[in-house]
C-alpha atoms as a PDB file:
ATOM      1  CA  MET A   1      57.533 -10.318 -17.591  1.00  0.00           C
ATOM      2  CA  LYS A   2      60.377  -8.280 -16.156  1.00  0.00           C
ATOM      3  CA  ASP A   3      59.774  -5.106 -14.162  1.00  0.00           C
ATOM      4  CA  GLY A   4      56.182  -5.048 -15.392  1.00  0.00           C
ATOM      5  CA  MET A   5      57.228  -5.066 -19.062  1.00  0.00           C
ATOM      6  CA  LYS A   6      56.455  -7.917 -21.427  1.00  0.00           C
ATOM      7  CA  THR A   7      59.424  -9.539 -23.136  1.00  0.00           C
ATOM      8  CA  ALA A   8      59.723 -11.188 -26.531  1.00  0.00           C
ATOM      9  CA  LEU A   9      62.330 -13.353 -28.201  1.00  0.00           C
ATOM     10  CA  ILE A  10      62.659 -13.334 -31.986  1.00  0.00           C
ATOM     11  CA  ILE A  11      64.543 -16.281 -33.486  1.00  0.00           C
ATOM     12  CA  GLU A  12      64.979 -15.332 -37.139  1.00  0.00           C
ATOM     13  CA  ASP A  13      67.953 -15.569 -39.492  1.00  0.00           C
ATOM     14  CA  ASP A  14      66.729 -12.937 -41.969  1.00  0.00           C
ATOM     15  CA  LEU A  15      67.836  -9.497 -40.771  1.00  0.00           C
ATOM     16  CA  ASN A  16      64.992  -7.641 -42.527  1.00  0.00           C
ATOM     17  CA  ASN A  17      62.309  -9.902 -41.046  1.00  0.00           C
ATOM     18  CA  ARG A  18      63.908  -9.688 -37.603  1.00  0.00           C
ATOM     19  CA  LYS A  19      64.006  -5.883 -37.764  1.00  0.00           C
ATOM     20  CA  LEU A  20      60.350  -5.680 -38.847  1.00  0.00           C
ATOM     21  CA  GLU A  21      59.234  -8.024 -36.063  1.00  0.00           C
ATOM     22  CA  LYS A  22      61.353  -6.144 -33.518  1.00  0.00           C
ATOM     23  CA  ASP A  23      59.904  -2.770 -34.561  1.00  0.00           C
ATOM     24  CA  LEU A  24      56.343  -4.099 -34.292  1.00  0.00           C
ATOM     25  CA  LEU A  25      56.922  -5.663 -30.878  1.00  0.00           C
ATOM     26  CA  GLN A  26      58.719  -2.629 -29.481  1.00  0.00           C
ATOM     27  CA  GLY A  27      55.866  -0.472 -30.739  1.00  0.00           C
ATOM     28  CA  ALA A  28      53.528  -2.700 -28.722  1.00  0.00           C
ATOM     29  CA  GLY A  29      55.622  -2.142 -25.601  1.00  0.00           C
ATOM     30  CA  TYR A  30      57.736  -5.303 -25.536  1.00  0.00           C
ATOM     31  CA  ILE A  31      61.376  -5.579 -24.538  1.00  0.00           C
ATOM     32  CA  VAL A  32      62.793  -7.555 -27.466  1.00  0.00           C
ATOM     33  CA  HIS A  33      65.639 -10.077 -27.483  1.00  0.00           C
ATOM     34  CA  GLU A  34      66.974 -11.498 -30.736  1.00  0.00           C
ATOM     35  CA  ALA A  35      68.766 -14.596 -31.999  1.00  0.00           C
ATOM     36  CA  GLU A  36      69.942 -15.416 -35.525  1.00  0.00           C
ATOM     37  CA  ASP A  37      69.659 -19.198 -35.172  1.00  0.00           C
ATOM     38  CA  ALA A  38      67.964 -21.846 -33.050  1.00  0.00           C
ATOM     39  CA  GLU A  39      71.003 -22.646 -30.883  1.00  0.00           C
ATOM     40  CA  ALA A  40      71.404 -19.011 -29.835  1.00  0.00           C
ATOM     41  CA  GLY A  41      67.629 -18.781 -29.416  1.00  0.00           C
ATOM     42  CA  LEU A  42      67.568 -21.733 -27.009  1.00  0.00           C
ATOM     43  CA  LYS A  43      70.192 -20.056 -24.830  1.00  0.00           C
ATOM     44  CA  LYS A  44      68.277 -16.777 -24.812  1.00  0.00           C
ATOM     45  CA  ALA A  45      64.963 -18.528 -24.089  1.00  0.00           C
ATOM     46  CA  LYS A  46      66.518 -20.099 -21.008  1.00  0.00           C
ATOM     47  CA  LYS A  47      68.211 -16.873 -19.878  1.00  0.00           C
ATOM     48  CA  GLU A  48      65.465 -14.338 -20.622  1.00  0.00           C
ATOM     49  CA  SER A  49      62.227 -16.337 -20.073  1.00  0.00           C
ATOM     50  CA  PRO A  50      60.286 -14.280 -22.631  1.00  0.00           C
ATOM     51  CA  ASP A  51      56.513 -13.949 -22.595  1.00  0.00           C
ATOM     52  CA  ILE A  52      56.379 -14.675 -26.316  1.00  0.00           C
ATOM     53  CA  ILE A  53      58.752 -16.439 -28.694  1.00  0.00           C
ATOM     54  CA  ILE A  54      58.561 -15.814 -32.427  1.00  0.00           C
ATOM     55  CA  LEU A  55      60.312 -18.482 -34.479  1.00  0.00           C
ATOM     56  CA  ASP A  56      61.151 -18.748 -38.134  1.00  0.00           C
ATOM     57  CA  TYR A  57      60.360 -22.277 -39.301  1.00  0.00           C
ATOM     58  CA  GLN A  58      63.345 -22.442 -41.651  1.00  0.00           C
ATOM     59  CA  LEU A  59      66.504 -21.646 -39.703  1.00  0.00           C
ATOM     60  CA  PRO A  60      70.078 -22.706 -40.436  1.00  0.00           C
ATOM     61  CA  GLY A  61      70.994 -25.878 -38.564  1.00  0.00           C
ATOM     62  CA  MET A  62      68.087 -26.682 -36.279  1.00  0.00           C
ATOM     63  CA  SER A  63      64.623 -25.709 -37.581  1.00  0.00           C
ATOM     64  CA  GLY A  64      62.246 -23.499 -35.639  1.00  0.00           C
ATOM     65  CA  LEU A  65      60.014 -26.499 -35.039  1.00  0.00           C
ATOM     66  CA  GLN A  66      62.924 -28.516 -33.625  1.00  0.00           C
ATOM     67  CA  ALA A  67      63.803 -25.561 -31.384  1.00  0.00           C
ATOM     68  CA  LEU A  68      60.223 -25.387 -30.118  1.00  0.00           C
ATOM     69  CA  GLU A  69      60.243 -29.128 -29.415  1.00  0.00           C
ATOM     70  CA  LYS A  70      63.483 -28.682 -27.439  1.00  0.00           C
ATOM     71  CA  ILE A  71      62.126 -25.745 -25.435  1.00  0.00           C
ATOM     72  CA  ILE A  72      59.075 -27.819 -24.513  1.00  0.00           C
ATOM     73  CA  ALA A  73      60.962 -31.093 -23.866  1.00  0.00           C
ATOM     74  CA  ASP A  74      63.737 -29.496 -21.822  1.00  0.00           C
ATOM     75  CA  ARG A  75      61.281 -27.239 -20.021  1.00  0.00           C
ATOM     76  CA  LEU A  76      63.533 -24.293 -20.767  1.00  0.00           C
ATOM     77  CA  HIS A  77      60.606 -22.014 -20.132  1.00  0.00           C
ATOM     78  CA  PRO A  78      57.587 -22.794 -17.951  1.00  0.00           C
ATOM     79  CA  SER A  79      54.972 -20.809 -19.867  1.00  0.00           C
ATOM     80  CA  PHE A  80      55.039 -18.717 -23.018  1.00  0.00           C
ATOM     81  CA  ASP A  81      53.134 -17.895 -26.175  1.00  0.00           C
ATOM     82  CA  CYS A  82      54.726 -18.966 -29.425  1.00  0.00           C
ATOM     83  CA  LEU A  83      54.317 -17.903 -33.023  1.00  0.00           C
ATOM     84  CA  ILE A  84      56.015 -19.854 -35.799  1.00  0.00           C
ATOM     85  CA  HIS A  85      55.986 -18.234 -39.197  1.00  0.00           C
ATOM     86  CA  LEU A  86      56.291 -20.527 -42.160  1.00  0.00           C
ATOM     87  CA  GLN A  87      55.205 -21.118 -45.665  1.00  0.00           C
ATOM     88  CA  TYR A  88      51.900 -22.915 -45.284  1.00  0.00           C
ATOM     89  CA  SER A  89      51.982 -26.678 -45.358  1.00  0.00           C
ATOM     90  CA  GLU A  90      49.445 -29.111 -43.963  1.00  0.00           C
ATOM     91  CA  LYS A  91      52.234 -31.316 -42.600  1.00  0.00           C
ATOM     92  CA  ALA A  92      53.719 -28.419 -40.601  1.00  0.00           C
ATOM     93  CA  GLN A  93      50.282 -27.439 -39.296  1.00  0.00           C
ATOM     94  CA  ASN A  94      49.501 -31.004 -38.170  1.00  0.00           C
ATOM     95  CA  THR A  95      52.887 -31.315 -36.458  1.00  0.00           C
ATOM     96  CA  ILE A  96      52.383 -28.067 -34.548  1.00  0.00           C
ATOM     97  CA  LEU A  97      48.819 -28.995 -33.589  1.00  0.00           C
ATOM     98  CA  SER A  98      49.979 -32.344 -32.238  1.00  0.00           C
ATOM     99  CA  MET A  99      52.662 -30.648 -30.118  1.00  0.00           C
ATOM    100  CA  THR A 100      50.437 -27.990 -28.612  1.00  0.00           C
ATOM    101  CA  ASP A 101      47.006 -29.616 -28.318  1.00  0.00           C
ATOM    102  CA  SER A 102      45.777 -26.432 -29.937  1.00  0.00           C
ATOM    103  CA  THR A 103      43.065 -26.011 -32.516  1.00  0.00           C
ATOM    104  CA  GLN A 104      44.402 -22.703 -33.823  1.00  0.00           C
ATOM    105  CA  VAL A 105      47.529 -22.263 -35.883  1.00  0.00           C
END
């Protein structure tokens, strides 16, 4: 949180999806940062320390899941909420659950 305002990072390669997510988050009072791919997203996560990170699962190059693993492993950000949007698959759900020790996906 910077200057009392919540910040968000959207890592999404589809311009239309990114714009929709940005509009929704700004409407909720977030300062929004954007990245078109995982590599750029990792740099922005480290620089901006957002309160929430929204990742597309299918990104060019590194996947959203690989980016999340890197953020966690490299401790690029001490604490954040994360939302990964994907086409539903049980394998993806189980992988995310194992990474987060969460029961909700």
